Amino acid sequence: MLTYEDFEKLGFWWDETPEENIKIYGMDFGTDYIVVTDEMGKTPWKGNEFLIVAAYDDNDCCLWGKEFKDFPALKELCEKFPAGSPELFKAIEDYVLPPECIGERIERL
């Protein structure tokens, strides 16, 4: 089970959203930021399920979204670059699901 500490070690903050009654995990990149949810837009609890990473600007407009294979894939990328760095932001934006996950993802739809 994922906890706040798992995300905190990578430089993420968390916040509660009263309207959805969930916790979101985020990271700031200057005036932009990312948030991480599960594929249903809820608090991610399982480390082995798909994660959605969405980037927003300072006006809360969505810039892009990425689907990650699982928490270990996100963690591996986050450990390569400093938290909040332009390099990490670009690496997350450029992330591509491994080919074996694409078929699994289509089957789940």
C-alpha atoms as a PDB file:
ATOM      1  CA  MET A   1       0.000   0.000   0.000  1.00  0.00           C
ATOM      2  CA  LEU A   2       1.319   3.443  -0.943  1.00  0.00           C
ATOM      3  CA  THR A   3       1.640   6.060   1.760  1.00  0.00           C
ATOM      4  CA  TYR A   4       2.432   9.746   1.918  1.00  0.00           C
ATOM      5  CA  GLU A   5       5.964   8.825   2.968  1.00  0.00           C
ATOM      6  CA  ASP A   6       6.517   6.967  -0.319  1.00  0.00           C
ATOM      7  CA  PHE A   7       5.789  10.158  -2.235  1.00  0.00           C
ATOM      8  CA  GLU A   8       7.465  12.484   0.284  1.00  0.00           C
ATOM      9  CA  LYS A   9      10.799  10.680  -0.176  1.00  0.00           C
ATOM     10  CA  LEU A  10      10.654  11.715  -3.838  1.00  0.00           C
ATOM     11  CA  GLY A  11       9.884  15.368  -3.079  1.00  0.00           C
ATOM     12  CA  PHE A  12       6.090  15.344  -3.382  1.00  0.00           C
ATOM     13  CA  TRP A  13       3.650  17.274  -1.184  1.00  0.00           C
ATOM     14  CA  TRP A  14       0.082  16.222  -0.537  1.00  0.00           C
ATOM     15  CA  ASP A  15      -3.207  18.028  -0.234  1.00  0.00           C
ATOM     16  CA  GLU A  16      -6.780  17.048   0.485  1.00  0.00           C
ATOM     17  CA  THR A  17      -9.494  17.977  -1.956  1.00  0.00           C
ATOM     18  CA  PRO A  18     -12.706  18.412   0.035  1.00  0.00           C
ATOM     19  CA  GLU A  19     -14.950  18.290  -3.028  1.00  0.00           C
ATOM     20  CA  GLU A  20     -13.715  14.802  -4.000  1.00  0.00           C
ATOM     21  CA  ASN A  21     -12.669  13.752  -0.483  1.00  0.00           C
ATOM     22  CA  ILE A  22      -9.306  12.462  -1.702  1.00  0.00           C
ATOM     23  CA  LYS A  23      -5.621  13.167  -1.186  1.00  0.00           C
ATOM     24  CA  ILE A  24      -3.566  14.224  -4.163  1.00  0.00           C
ATOM     25  CA  TYR A  25       0.190  14.155  -4.394  1.00  0.00           C
ATOM     26  CA  GLY A  26       1.951  16.981  -6.193  1.00  0.00           C
ATOM     27  CA  MET A  27       5.287  18.556  -6.948  1.00  0.00           C
ATOM     28  CA  ASP A  28       6.077  22.150  -7.840  1.00  0.00           C
ATOM     29  CA  PHE A  29       8.187  23.126 -10.841  1.00  0.00           C
ATOM     30  CA  GLY A  30       8.505  26.897 -10.607  1.00  0.00           C
ATOM     31  CA  THR A  31       5.059  28.234 -11.523  1.00  0.00           C
ATOM     32  CA  ASP A  32       3.964  24.862 -12.945  1.00  0.00           C
ATOM     33  CA  TYR A  33       3.127  21.766 -10.927  1.00  0.00           C
ATOM     34  CA  ILE A  34       2.150  18.132 -11.346  1.00  0.00           C
ATOM     35  CA  VAL A  35      -0.397  16.020  -9.489  1.00  0.00           C
ATOM     36  CA  VAL A  36      -0.540  12.229  -9.265  1.00  0.00           C
ATOM     37  CA  THR A  37      -3.741  10.209  -9.003  1.00  0.00           C
ATOM     38  CA  ASP A  38      -4.828   6.689  -9.823  1.00  0.00           C
ATOM     39  CA  GLU A  39      -6.507   6.086 -13.182  1.00  0.00           C
ATOM     40  CA  MET A  40      -9.906   6.969 -11.690  1.00  0.00           C
ATOM     41  CA  GLY A  41      -8.697  10.358 -10.425  1.00  0.00           C
ATOM     42  CA  LYS A  42      -8.575   9.156  -6.830  1.00  0.00           C
ATOM     43  CA  THR A  43      -5.837   8.783  -4.225  1.00  0.00           C
ATOM     44  CA  PRO A  44      -3.295   6.210  -5.430  1.00  0.00           C
ATOM     45  CA  TRP A  45      -3.090   3.387  -2.885  1.00  0.00           C
ATOM     46  CA  LYS A  46      -1.667   0.471  -4.863  1.00  0.00           C
ATOM     47  CA  GLY A  47       1.910   0.636  -6.065  1.00  0.00           C
ATOM     48  CA  ASN A  48       1.397  -1.836  -8.879  1.00  0.00           C
ATOM     49  CA  GLU A  49      -1.434  -0.014 -10.695  1.00  0.00           C
ATOM     50  CA  PHE A  50      -1.382   2.663 -13.368  1.00  0.00           C
ATOM     51  CA  LEU A  51      -0.832   6.248 -12.214  1.00  0.00           C
ATOM     52  CA  ILE A  52      -1.902   9.444 -13.920  1.00  0.00           C
ATOM     53  CA  VAL A  53       0.490  12.396 -13.772  1.00  0.00           C
ATOM     54  CA  ALA A  54      -0.996  15.688 -14.948  1.00  0.00           C
ATOM     55  CA  ALA A  55       0.867  18.980 -15.311  1.00  0.00           C
ATOM     56  CA  TYR A  56      -0.748  22.369 -14.703  1.00  0.00           C
ATOM     57  CA  ASP A  57       0.362  25.962 -15.047  1.00  0.00           C
ATOM     58  CA  ASP A  58      -0.051  28.746 -12.490  1.00  0.00           C
ATOM     59  CA  ASN A  59      -3.607  29.387 -13.773  1.00  0.00           C
ATOM     60  CA  ASP A  60      -4.525  25.737 -13.072  1.00  0.00           C
ATOM     61  CA  CYS A  61      -4.788  25.012 -16.809  1.00  0.00           C
ATOM     62  CA  CYS A  62      -3.785  21.483 -17.781  1.00  0.00           C
ATOM     63  CA  LEU A  63      -0.583  21.379 -19.830  1.00  0.00           C
ATOM     64  CA  TRP A  64      -0.353  17.630 -20.415  1.00  0.00           C
ATOM     65  CA  GLY A  65      -1.040  14.260 -18.831  1.00  0.00           C
ATOM     66  CA  LYS A  66       0.920  11.026 -18.709  1.00  0.00           C
ATOM     67  CA  GLU A  67       0.035   7.518 -17.717  1.00  0.00           C
ATOM     68  CA  PHE A  68       2.698   5.662 -15.736  1.00  0.00           C
ATOM     69  CA  LYS A  69       2.952   1.878 -15.540  1.00  0.00           C
ATOM     70  CA  ASP A  70       3.061   1.959 -11.738  1.00  0.00           C
ATOM     71  CA  PHE A  71       4.634   3.676  -8.753  1.00  0.00           C
ATOM     72  CA  PRO A  72       8.037   1.981  -9.199  1.00  0.00           C
ATOM     73  CA  ALA A  73       8.245   3.443 -12.747  1.00  0.00           C
ATOM     74  CA  LEU A  74       7.522   6.938 -11.413  1.00  0.00           C
ATOM     75  CA  LYS A  75       9.937   6.438  -8.521  1.00  0.00           C
ATOM     76  CA  GLU A  76      12.735   5.310 -10.830  1.00  0.00           C
ATOM     77  CA  LEU A  77      12.350   8.446 -12.943  1.00  0.00           C
ATOM     78  CA  CYS A  78      12.103  10.737  -9.906  1.00  0.00           C
ATOM     79  CA  GLU A  79      15.299   9.312  -8.455  1.00  0.00           C
ATOM     80  CA  LYS A  80      17.272  10.295 -11.571  1.00  0.00           C
ATOM     81  CA  PHE A  81      16.689  14.048 -11.227  1.00  0.00           C
ATOM     82  CA  PRO A  82      16.295  16.550  -8.376  1.00  0.00           C
ATOM     83  CA  ALA A  83      12.712  17.113  -7.211  1.00  0.00           C
ATOM     84  CA  GLY A  84      11.186  20.178  -8.857  1.00  0.00           C
ATOM     85  CA  SER A  85      13.909  20.449 -11.495  1.00  0.00           C
ATOM     86  CA  PRO A  86      13.254  21.293 -15.151  1.00  0.00           C
ATOM     87  CA  GLU A  87      14.976  18.014 -16.057  1.00  0.00           C
ATOM     88  CA  LEU A  88      12.496  15.980 -14.007  1.00  0.00           C
ATOM     89  CA  PHE A  89       9.538  17.900 -15.444  1.00  0.00           C
ATOM     90  CA  LYS A  90      10.768  17.170 -18.988  1.00  0.00           C
ATOM     91  CA  ALA A  91      11.517  13.512 -18.192  1.00  0.00           C
ATOM     92  CA  ILE A  92       7.988  13.000 -16.837  1.00  0.00           C
ATOM     93  CA  GLU A  93       6.510  14.771 -19.859  1.00  0.00           C
ATOM     94  CA  ASP A  94       8.530  12.517 -22.189  1.00  0.00           C
ATOM     95  CA  TYR A  95       7.690   9.254 -20.373  1.00  0.00           C
ATOM     96  CA  VAL A  96       6.158   6.571 -22.608  1.00  0.00           C
ATOM     97  CA  LEU A  97       4.369   3.461 -21.373  1.00  0.00           C
ATOM     98  CA  PRO A  98       6.373   0.304 -22.107  1.00  0.00           C
ATOM     99  CA  PRO A  99       4.917  -1.592 -25.094  1.00  0.00           C
ATOM    100  CA  GLU A 100       3.802  -4.530 -22.934  1.00  0.00           C
ATOM    101  CA  CYS A 101       1.623  -2.154 -20.867  1.00  0.00           C
ATOM    102  CA  ILE A 102      -0.241  -0.707 -23.829  1.00  0.00           C
ATOM    103  CA  GLY A 103      -1.992  -4.000 -24.580  1.00  0.00           C
ATOM    104  CA  GLU A 104      -2.840  -4.461 -20.907  1.00  0.00           C
ATOM    105  CA  ARG A 105      -4.222  -0.929 -20.763  1.00  0.00           C
ATOM    106  CA  ILE A 106      -6.431  -1.481 -23.842  1.00  0.00           C
ATOM    107  CA  GLU A 107      -7.781  -4.722 -22.376  1.00  0.00           C
ATOM    108  CA  ARG A 108      -8.788  -2.925 -19.175  1.00  0.00           C
ATOM    109  CA  LEU A 109     -10.831  -0.352 -21.091  1.00  0.00           C
END
